[in-house]
Amino acid sequence: MNYYNQYNGQMYVKPTPPGNTNYQQMALPPEQSYIENILRLNKGKKVRIHQTFPDSNEWRDLEFTGIIEQSGRDHIILSDPTNGVWEVLLMIYVDYISFDEPVNYDPDFYPTN
């Protein structure tokens, strides 16, 4: 099948994979147990999030305590009911997360938006 390139006006042929390869069978299984999904399963629980900020000498290692309100691929939102402060923490700086109670975990969890 030929295709038209709108940028240079040239026609080209779309390459096809060699042989009778079934690429669906080669695909890796989806990974569902991302950290944000584990945090979503534990929404409302109190946690301690330990973070390291490598470029800061003054604020290098910090611990944040609060209630999990939301989490996404790159962030966690905590609230602290003792002082009313809400914090958005970036996942890139998370070292580990501590819970004071059992963690809800389901490796097949698919979030519903």
C-alpha atoms as a PDB file:
ATOM      1  CA  MET A   1       0.000   0.000   0.000  1.00  0.00           C
ATOM      2  CA  ASN A   2       1.359   3.436  -0.925  1.00  0.00           C
ATOM      3  CA  TYR A   3       1.173   6.480   1.324  1.00  0.00           C
ATOM      4  CA  TYR A   4       1.475  10.170   0.540  1.00  0.00           C
ATOM      5  CA  ASN A   5       3.846  12.297   2.611  1.00  0.00           C
ATOM      6  CA  GLN A   6       2.132  15.666   3.060  1.00  0.00           C
ATOM      7  CA  TYR A   7       5.389  17.427   3.943  1.00  0.00           C
ATOM      8  CA  ASN A   8       7.453  16.690   0.850  1.00  0.00           C
ATOM      9  CA  GLY A   9       4.826  15.411  -1.606  1.00  0.00           C
ATOM     10  CA  GLN A  10       6.566  12.066  -2.084  1.00  0.00           C
ATOM     11  CA  MET A  11       4.890   8.659  -2.234  1.00  0.00           C
ATOM     12  CA  TYR A  12       6.328   5.853  -0.140  1.00  0.00           C
ATOM     13  CA  VAL A  13       5.557   2.253   0.702  1.00  0.00           C
ATOM     14  CA  LYS A  14       4.824   1.399   4.309  1.00  0.00           C
ATOM     15  CA  PRO A  15       7.303  -1.274   5.443  1.00  0.00           C
ATOM     16  CA  THR A  16       5.901  -4.585   6.643  1.00  0.00           C
ATOM     17  CA  PRO A  17       7.565  -6.937   9.116  1.00  0.00           C
ATOM     18  CA  PRO A  18       9.279  -9.957   7.583  1.00  0.00           C
ATOM     19  CA  GLY A  19       7.716 -13.406   7.690  1.00  0.00           C
ATOM     20  CA  ASN A  20       4.586 -14.415   9.531  1.00  0.00           C
ATOM     21  CA  THR A  21       5.516 -12.994  12.945  1.00  0.00           C
ATOM     22  CA  ASN A  22       2.684 -12.664  15.416  1.00  0.00           C
ATOM     23  CA  TYR A  23       3.621  -9.512  17.329  1.00  0.00           C
ATOM     24  CA  GLN A  24       0.658  -9.865  19.695  1.00  0.00           C
ATOM     25  CA  GLN A  25       2.257 -12.966  21.210  1.00  0.00           C
ATOM     26  CA  MET A  26       5.561 -11.136  21.637  1.00  0.00           C
ATOM     27  CA  ALA A  27       4.072  -8.272  23.669  1.00  0.00           C
ATOM     28  CA  LEU A  28       4.924  -8.182  27.347  1.00  0.00           C
ATOM     29  CA  PRO A  29       2.052  -8.543  29.798  1.00  0.00           C
ATOM     30  CA  PRO A  30       0.773  -5.240  31.222  1.00  0.00           C
ATOM     31  CA  GLU A  31       2.111  -4.254  34.630  1.00  0.00           C
ATOM     32  CA  GLN A  32      -0.623  -3.086  36.966  1.00  0.00           C
ATOM     33  CA  SER A  33       1.103  -2.868  40.340  1.00  0.00           C
ATOM     34  CA  TYR A  34       2.487   0.618  39.895  1.00  0.00           C
ATOM     35  CA  ILE A  35       3.112   2.594  43.077  1.00  0.00           C
ATOM     36  CA  GLU A  36       0.300   5.033  42.287  1.00  0.00           C
ATOM     37  CA  ASN A  37      -2.172   2.144  42.045  1.00  0.00           C
ATOM     38  CA  ILE A  38      -1.027   0.738  45.385  1.00  0.00           C
ATOM     39  CA  LEU A  39      -1.480   4.197  46.891  1.00  0.00           C
ATOM     40  CA  ARG A  40      -4.947   4.499  45.337  1.00  0.00           C
ATOM     41  CA  LEU A  41      -5.937   1.224  46.998  1.00  0.00           C
ATOM     42  CA  ASN A  42      -4.809   2.741  50.304  1.00  0.00           C
ATOM     43  CA  LYS A  43      -6.449   6.149  49.905  1.00  0.00           C
ATOM     44  CA  GLY A  44      -7.407   7.575  53.294  1.00  0.00           C
ATOM     45  CA  LYS A  45      -4.626   5.809  55.219  1.00  0.00           C
ATOM     46  CA  LYS A  46      -1.920   7.573  57.173  1.00  0.00           C
ATOM     47  CA  VAL A  47       1.576   7.211  55.702  1.00  0.00           C
ATOM     48  CA  ARG A  48       5.111   8.458  56.100  1.00  0.00           C
ATOM     49  CA  ILE A  49       6.771   9.241  52.786  1.00  0.00           C
ATOM     50  CA  HIS A  50      10.551   9.360  52.826  1.00  0.00           C
ATOM     51  CA  GLN A  51      12.100  11.496  50.113  1.00  0.00           C
ATOM     52  CA  THR A  52      15.616  12.464  49.098  1.00  0.00           C
ATOM     53  CA  PHE A  53      16.386  15.675  47.231  1.00  0.00           C
ATOM     54  CA  PRO A  54      19.930  15.110  45.924  1.00  0.00           C
ATOM     55  CA  ASP A  55      20.559  18.690  44.779  1.00  0.00           C
ATOM     56  CA  SER A  56      19.744  20.247  48.146  1.00  0.00           C
ATOM     57  CA  ASN A  57      22.108  20.371  51.096  1.00  0.00           C
ATOM     58  CA  GLU A  58      19.600  22.032  53.419  1.00  0.00           C
ATOM     59  CA  TRP A  59      16.591  19.808  52.595  1.00  0.00           C
ATOM     60  CA  ARG A  60      18.331  16.603  51.505  1.00  0.00           C
ATOM     61  CA  ASP A  61      16.317  13.895  53.324  1.00  0.00           C
ATOM     62  CA  LEU A  62      12.763  14.619  54.426  1.00  0.00           C
ATOM     63  CA  GLU A  63       9.864  12.648  55.849  1.00  0.00           C
ATOM     64  CA  PHE A  64       6.290  13.718  55.109  1.00  0.00           C
ATOM     65  CA  THR A  65       3.425  12.385  57.236  1.00  0.00           C
ATOM     66  CA  GLY A  66      -0.198  12.605  56.233  1.00  0.00           C
ATOM     67  CA  ILE A  67      -3.292  11.004  54.796  1.00  0.00           C
ATOM     68  CA  ILE A  68      -3.228   9.772  51.187  1.00  0.00           C
ATOM     69  CA  GLU A  69      -5.742  11.891  49.296  1.00  0.00           C
ATOM     70  CA  GLN A  70      -4.773  11.131  45.684  1.00  0.00           C
ATOM     71  CA  SER A  71      -1.904   9.721  43.661  1.00  0.00           C
ATOM     72  CA  GLY A  72      -0.890   9.808  40.043  1.00  0.00           C
ATOM     73  CA  ARG A  73       1.918   8.542  37.883  1.00  0.00           C
ATOM     74  CA  ASP A  74       4.263  11.292  39.061  1.00  0.00           C
ATOM     75  CA  HIS A  75       2.796  12.678  42.296  1.00  0.00           C
ATOM     76  CA  ILE A  76       1.170  11.977  45.657  1.00  0.00           C
ATOM     77  CA  ILE A  77      -1.223  14.340  47.431  1.00  0.00           C
ATOM     78  CA  LEU A  78      -1.152  14.186  51.238  1.00  0.00           C
ATOM     79  CA  SER A  79      -3.217  16.074  53.765  1.00  0.00           C
ATOM     80  CA  ASP A  80      -2.250  16.636  57.373  1.00  0.00           C
ATOM     81  CA  PRO A  81      -5.394  16.916  59.512  1.00  0.00           C
ATOM     82  CA  THR A  82      -3.436  18.252  62.502  1.00  0.00           C
ATOM     83  CA  ASN A  83      -2.530  21.498  60.738  1.00  0.00           C
ATOM     84  CA  GLY A  84      -4.716  21.540  57.593  1.00  0.00           C
ATOM     85  CA  VAL A  85      -1.737  21.516  55.222  1.00  0.00           C
ATOM     86  CA  TRP A  86      -2.002  19.718  51.877  1.00  0.00           C
ATOM     87  CA  GLU A  87       1.173  18.728  50.045  1.00  0.00           C
ATOM     88  CA  VAL A  88       1.885  17.540  46.511  1.00  0.00           C
ATOM     89  CA  LEU A  89       4.946  15.310  46.525  1.00  0.00           C
ATOM     90  CA  LEU A  90       6.778  14.256  43.386  1.00  0.00           C
ATOM     91  CA  MET A  91       7.266  10.489  42.942  1.00  0.00           C
ATOM     92  CA  ILE A  92      10.731  10.973  41.502  1.00  0.00           C
ATOM     93  CA  TYR A  93      12.034  11.837  44.988  1.00  0.00           C
ATOM     94  CA  VAL A  94      10.303   8.993  46.889  1.00  0.00           C
ATOM     95  CA  ASP A  95      12.669   6.517  48.566  1.00  0.00           C
ATOM     96  CA  TYR A  96      10.038   4.473  50.365  1.00  0.00           C
ATOM     97  CA  ILE A  97       6.620   4.719  52.006  1.00  0.00           C
ATOM     98  CA  SER A  98       5.787   3.483  55.527  1.00  0.00           C
ATOM     99  CA  PHE A  99       2.328   2.439  56.702  1.00  0.00           C
ATOM    100  CA  ASP A 100       1.258   1.905  60.335  1.00  0.00           C
ATOM    101  CA  GLU A 101      -1.424  -0.576  59.281  1.00  0.00           C
ATOM    102  CA  PRO A 102      -1.730  -3.396  56.737  1.00  0.00           C
ATOM    103  CA  VAL A 103      -1.359  -2.338  53.115  1.00  0.00           C
ATOM    104  CA  ASN A 104      -4.164  -3.071  50.664  1.00  0.00           C
ATOM    105  CA  TYR A 105      -2.569  -4.665  47.614  1.00  0.00           C
ATOM    106  CA  ASP A 106      -3.972  -6.146  44.410  1.00  0.00           C
ATOM    107  CA  PRO A 107      -1.478  -6.790  41.585  1.00  0.00           C
ATOM    108  CA  ASP A 108      -4.343  -6.796  39.045  1.00  0.00           C
ATOM    109  CA  PHE A 109      -5.787  -3.438  40.113  1.00  0.00           C
ATOM    110  CA  TYR A 110      -6.971  -1.264  37.224  1.00  0.00           C
ATOM    111  CA  PRO A 111      -7.820   2.256  38.363  1.00  0.00           C
ATOM    112  CA  THR A 112     -11.172   3.701  37.417  1.00  0.00           C
ATOM    113  CA  ASN A 113     -10.987   7.394  36.687  1.00  0.00           C
END
